[in-house]
């Protein structure tokens, strides 16, 4: 009985610690993505401990998690820094994502089921709702938009039958998230035309999925994904010139 109670308490502490780490990582990820923590900024452990009221081990674990995701870099005996913008990395990740997503789309359509088609419709409906909100206030809805955009793109390839492809796609999406959020949340840029075109492209891709049109769907997906790089290219240049 004593051993059992000790094990339960140990498990509860582990789960509590994991929740703290994940919560801190989410906050830092958001601050980096939205530019609150600027590229190259040093992440002071003591300041993070004070501001977020968490322990040193939790901070280091959260930063190690973000380093693995490409948000921060660890420096020998010097702590962590926010990674600088890299257009080459953005272009490489986006190009790879575009190709893999087209493969996943093709496989999903080839194995189409009622349930899969329903999931695509549902995900697109949720995305279209926040797309309208983004037209009026991109900065406030950027994070929700990005989450629903991910859900839609995951739904498109969700019937591919390849867990490894789905995992890789998720990782590539995460690696480019801060560029998208940096773009969407920048109030100095005009997003109206781009957002309108993006919504129209999503609707067309959805219809291709429902109609089983693999060729048109993969072409639109590839164009849609790689075109977003040009948008981020412009905003990175804009921010670099105004730092």
Protein backbone atom coordinates (compact mmCIF):
# COMPACT_ATOMS: atom_id res chain seq x y z
CA UNK A 1 0.00 0.00 0.00
CA UNK A 2 2.83 2.39 0.89
CA UNK A 3 4.58 1.65 -2.40
CA UNK A 4 1.34 2.26 -4.32
CA UNK A 5 0.69 5.63 -2.66
CA UNK A 6 4.30 6.68 -3.25
CA UNK A 7 4.04 5.76 -6.93
CA UNK A 8 0.75 7.67 -7.30
CA UNK A 9 2.25 10.80 -5.74
CA UNK A 10 5.28 10.47 -8.01
CA UNK A 11 3.05 10.20 -11.09
CA UNK A 12 0.99 13.21 -10.01
CA UNK A 13 4.13 15.31 -9.56
CA UNK A 14 5.37 14.24 -12.97
CA UNK A 15 2.10 15.17 -14.64
CA UNK A 16 2.01 18.50 -12.82
CA UNK A 17 5.60 19.26 -13.86
CA UNK A 18 4.82 18.30 -17.46
CA UNK A 19 1.81 20.64 -17.50
CA UNK A 20 3.97 23.52 -16.20
CA UNK A 21 6.61 22.88 -18.86
CA UNK A 22 4.04 22.69 -21.67
CA UNK A 23 2.28 25.84 -20.48
CA UNK A 24 5.56 27.77 -20.34
CA UNK A 25 6.64 26.45 -23.75
CA UNK A 26 3.30 27.56 -25.24
CA UNK A 27 3.71 31.07 -23.80
CA UNK A 28 7.28 31.42 -25.05
CA UNK A 29 6.35 29.96 -28.43
CA UNK A 30 3.59 32.56 -28.75
CA UNK A 31 5.88 35.43 -27.68
CA UNK A 32 8.52 34.37 -30.21
CA UNK A 33 6.02 33.86 -33.00
CA UNK A 34 4.39 37.25 -32.45
CA UNK A 35 7.72 39.04 -32.14
CA UNK A 36 7.40 39.95 -28.45
CA UNK A 37 10.70 38.10 -28.00
CA UNK A 38 12.77 39.35 -30.91
CA UNK A 39 15.18 37.27 -33.05
CA UNK A 40 18.59 37.04 -31.40
CA UNK A 41 17.26 38.03 -27.98
CA UNK A 42 18.95 36.29 -25.04
CA UNK A 43 16.56 34.36 -22.82
CA UNK A 44 17.46 35.13 -19.23
CA UNK A 45 16.70 32.19 -16.95
CA UNK A 46 16.29 34.33 -13.83
CA UNK A 47 13.98 36.75 -15.61
CA UNK A 48 11.86 33.89 -16.94
CA UNK A 49 11.70 32.36 -13.47
CA UNK A 50 10.54 35.67 -12.01
CA UNK A 51 8.06 36.55 -14.75
CA UNK A 52 6.45 33.11 -15.09
CA UNK A 53 6.89 31.91 -11.48
CA UNK A 54 8.32 28.53 -12.43
CA UNK A 55 11.40 26.56 -11.39
CA UNK A 56 14.78 26.45 -13.12
CA UNK A 57 14.32 22.83 -14.22
CA UNK A 58 10.94 23.63 -15.79
CA UNK A 59 12.41 26.61 -17.66
CA UNK A 60 15.32 24.59 -18.99
CA UNK A 61 13.03 21.76 -20.04
CA UNK A 62 10.72 24.18 -21.87
CA UNK A 63 13.67 25.84 -23.62
CA UNK A 64 15.09 22.47 -24.64
CA UNK A 65 11.70 21.65 -26.14
CA UNK A 66 11.65 24.91 -28.10
CA UNK A 67 15.23 24.32 -29.26
CA UNK A 68 14.13 21.02 -30.74
CA UNK A 69 11.30 22.80 -32.57
CA UNK A 70 13.57 25.47 -34.04
CA UNK A 71 12.41 28.46 -31.97
CA UNK A 72 15.55 28.96 -29.86
CA UNK A 73 19.19 27.87 -29.94
CA UNK A 74 21.31 26.62 -27.06
CA UNK A 75 24.74 28.19 -26.68
CA UNK A 76 27.60 26.56 -24.76
CA UNK A 77 27.52 27.93 -21.20
CA UNK A 78 25.65 30.99 -22.43
CA UNK A 79 22.04 29.89 -22.16
CA UNK A 80 19.52 30.27 -24.96
CA UNK A 81 18.72 32.81 -27.65
CA UNK A 82 15.74 33.27 -29.94
CA UNK A 83 16.70 32.02 -33.39
CA UNK A 84 17.19 34.64 -36.06
CA UNK A 85 14.95 34.71 -39.13
CA UNK A 86 16.11 32.40 -41.91
CA UNK A 87 14.55 32.72 -45.34
CA UNK A 88 16.53 29.74 -46.56
CA UNK A 89 15.12 27.55 -43.78
CA UNK A 90 11.61 28.86 -44.41
CA UNK A 91 11.82 28.15 -48.13
CA UNK A 92 13.29 24.71 -47.62
CA UNK A 93 10.69 23.69 -45.02
CA UNK A 94 7.81 25.08 -47.08
CA UNK A 95 8.97 23.39 -50.27
CA UNK A 96 9.25 20.04 -48.52
CA UNK A 97 5.88 20.52 -46.82
CA UNK A 98 4.24 21.31 -50.17
CA UNK A 99 5.53 18.12 -51.79
CA UNK A 100 4.65 15.86 -48.86
CA UNK A 101 1.20 17.40 -48.48
CA UNK A 102 0.49 16.70 -52.13
CA UNK A 103 1.45 13.06 -51.60
CA UNK A 104 -0.79 12.87 -48.54
CA UNK A 105 -3.66 14.50 -50.42
CA UNK A 106 -3.35 12.03 -53.29
CA UNK A 107 -3.33 9.02 -50.97
CA UNK A 108 -6.27 10.39 -48.97
CA UNK A 109 -8.41 10.93 -52.08
CA UNK A 110 -7.53 7.49 -53.40
CA UNK A 111 -8.78 5.99 -50.11
CA UNK A 112 -11.70 8.42 -49.71
CA UNK A 113 -14.46 7.56 -47.25
CA UNK A 114 -17.60 9.37 -46.12
CA UNK A 115 -15.98 10.00 -42.75
CA UNK A 116 -12.91 11.57 -44.34
CA UNK A 117 -14.97 13.83 -46.59
CA UNK A 118 -17.05 14.88 -43.58
CA UNK A 119 -13.87 15.74 -41.64
CA UNK A 120 -12.66 17.95 -44.51
CA UNK A 121 -16.00 19.78 -44.65
CA UNK A 122 -16.03 20.31 -40.88
CA UNK A 123 -12.45 21.56 -40.75
CA UNK A 124 -13.06 23.94 -43.64
CA UNK A 125 -16.19 25.33 -41.99
CA UNK A 126 -14.27 26.15 -38.80
CA UNK A 127 -11.47 27.72 -40.82
CA UNK A 128 -13.83 29.83 -42.94
CA UNK A 129 -15.40 31.32 -39.79
CA UNK A 130 -12.11 32.66 -38.48
CA UNK A 131 -11.00 33.73 -41.98
CA UNK A 132 -13.81 36.29 -41.84
CA UNK A 133 -12.59 37.50 -38.44
CA UNK A 134 -9.04 37.80 -39.76
CA UNK A 135 -10.16 40.22 -42.45
CA UNK A 136 -11.22 42.66 -39.74
CA UNK A 137 -8.54 42.06 -37.11
CA UNK A 138 -5.56 39.91 -38.19
CA UNK A 139 -3.49 40.57 -35.06
CA UNK A 140 -6.18 39.35 -32.64
CA UNK A 141 -7.15 36.22 -34.57
CA UNK A 142 -3.76 35.16 -35.94
CA UNK A 143 -3.18 32.31 -33.51
CA UNK A 144 -6.71 30.91 -33.82
CA UNK A 145 -6.46 31.19 -37.61
CA UNK A 146 -3.19 29.32 -37.67
CA UNK A 147 -4.58 26.52 -35.48
CA UNK A 148 -7.66 26.08 -37.67
CA UNK A 149 -5.57 26.31 -40.81
CA UNK A 150 -3.46 23.44 -39.48
CA UNK A 151 -6.60 21.42 -38.71
CA UNK A 152 -7.85 21.92 -42.27
CA UNK A 153 -4.57 20.89 -43.88
CA UNK A 154 -4.35 17.90 -41.54
CA UNK A 155 -7.87 16.90 -42.54
CA UNK A 156 -6.94 17.02 -46.22
CA UNK A 157 -4.22 14.42 -45.71
CA UNK A 158 -5.74 12.67 -42.71
CA UNK A 159 -6.84 9.65 -44.74
CA UNK A 160 -3.41 8.98 -46.28
CA UNK A 161 -2.76 5.95 -44.08
CA UNK A 162 0.79 7.05 -43.19
CA UNK A 163 1.38 8.08 -39.55
CA UNK A 164 4.98 8.98 -40.40
CA UNK A 165 3.91 11.37 -43.16
CA UNK A 166 1.35 13.01 -40.84
CA UNK A 167 3.97 13.44 -38.11
CA UNK A 168 6.49 14.94 -40.52
CA UNK A 169 3.87 17.33 -41.90
CA UNK A 170 3.00 18.48 -38.39
CA UNK A 171 6.66 19.14 -37.61
CA UNK A 172 7.18 21.14 -40.81
CA UNK A 173 4.08 23.20 -40.07
CA UNK A 174 5.36 23.93 -36.56
CA UNK A 175 8.78 24.95 -37.86
CA UNK A 176 7.27 27.66 -40.07
CA UNK A 177 4.59 28.83 -37.61
CA UNK A 178 6.44 31.85 -36.29
CA UNK A 179 6.88 33.24 -39.81
CA UNK A 180 3.14 33.01 -40.47
CA UNK A 181 2.16 34.51 -37.12
CA UNK A 182 4.74 37.27 -37.51
CA UNK A 183 3.12 38.04 -40.85
CA UNK A 184 -0.53 37.87 -39.77
CA UNK A 185 -0.01 39.88 -36.58
CA UNK A 186 1.87 42.72 -38.29
CA UNK A 187 -0.60 45.61 -38.28
CA UNK A 188 1.55 47.73 -40.63
CA UNK A 189 0.85 45.44 -43.58
CA UNK A 190 -2.27 45.16 -45.72
CA UNK A 191 -3.59 41.61 -45.42
CA UNK A 192 -6.97 42.04 -47.11
CA UNK A 193 -6.11 40.81 -50.59
CA UNK A 194 -3.92 37.95 -49.40
CA UNK A 195 -6.50 36.70 -46.89
CA UNK A 196 -9.30 36.85 -49.45
CA UNK A 197 -7.25 34.88 -51.97
CA UNK A 198 -6.23 32.35 -49.33
CA UNK A 199 -9.85 31.73 -48.34
CA UNK A 200 -10.82 31.21 -51.99
CA UNK A 201 -7.94 28.77 -52.45
CA UNK A 202 -9.00 26.78 -49.38
CA UNK A 203 -12.53 26.51 -50.73
CA UNK A 204 -11.29 25.26 -54.13
CA UNK A 205 -8.98 22.71 -52.53
CA UNK A 206 -11.85 21.45 -50.38
CA UNK A 207 -14.01 20.97 -53.46
CA UNK A 208 -11.22 19.03 -55.18
CA UNK A 209 -11.02 16.72 -52.17
CA UNK A 210 -14.78 16.14 -52.16
CA UNK A 211 -14.93 15.61 -55.93
CA UNK A 212 -11.90 13.32 -56.06
CA UNK A 213 -9.97 15.69 -58.35
CA UNK A 214 -6.42 14.72 -57.44
CA UNK A 215 -4.57 16.54 -60.21
CA UNK A 216 -6.19 19.93 -59.69
CA UNK A 217 -6.11 19.52 -55.91
CA UNK A 218 -2.39 18.77 -55.76
CA UNK A 219 -1.60 21.65 -58.12
CA UNK A 220 -3.60 24.09 -56.00
CA UNK A 221 -2.09 22.77 -52.78
CA UNK A 222 1.46 23.17 -54.05
CA UNK A 223 0.81 26.70 -55.30
CA UNK A 224 -1.04 27.63 -52.11
CA UNK A 225 1.73 26.43 -49.79
CA UNK A 226 4.71 27.81 -51.69
CA UNK A 227 3.03 31.15 -52.39
CA UNK A 228 2.88 31.85 -48.66
CA UNK A 229 6.69 31.91 -48.62
CA UNK A 230 6.73 35.03 -50.80
CA UNK A 231 4.39 36.71 -48.32
CA UNK A 232 6.66 35.86 -45.39
CA UNK A 233 9.72 36.86 -47.45
CA UNK A 234 8.30 40.37 -47.73
CA UNK A 235 7.41 40.71 -44.06
CA UNK A 236 10.81 39.42 -42.91
CA UNK A 237 12.51 42.02 -45.09
CA UNK A 238 10.15 44.69 -43.75
CA UNK A 239 10.86 43.81 -40.12
CA UNK A 240 14.60 43.51 -40.67
CA UNK A 241 14.72 47.03 -42.08
CA UNK A 242 12.78 48.43 -39.15
CA UNK A 243 14.55 46.76 -36.23
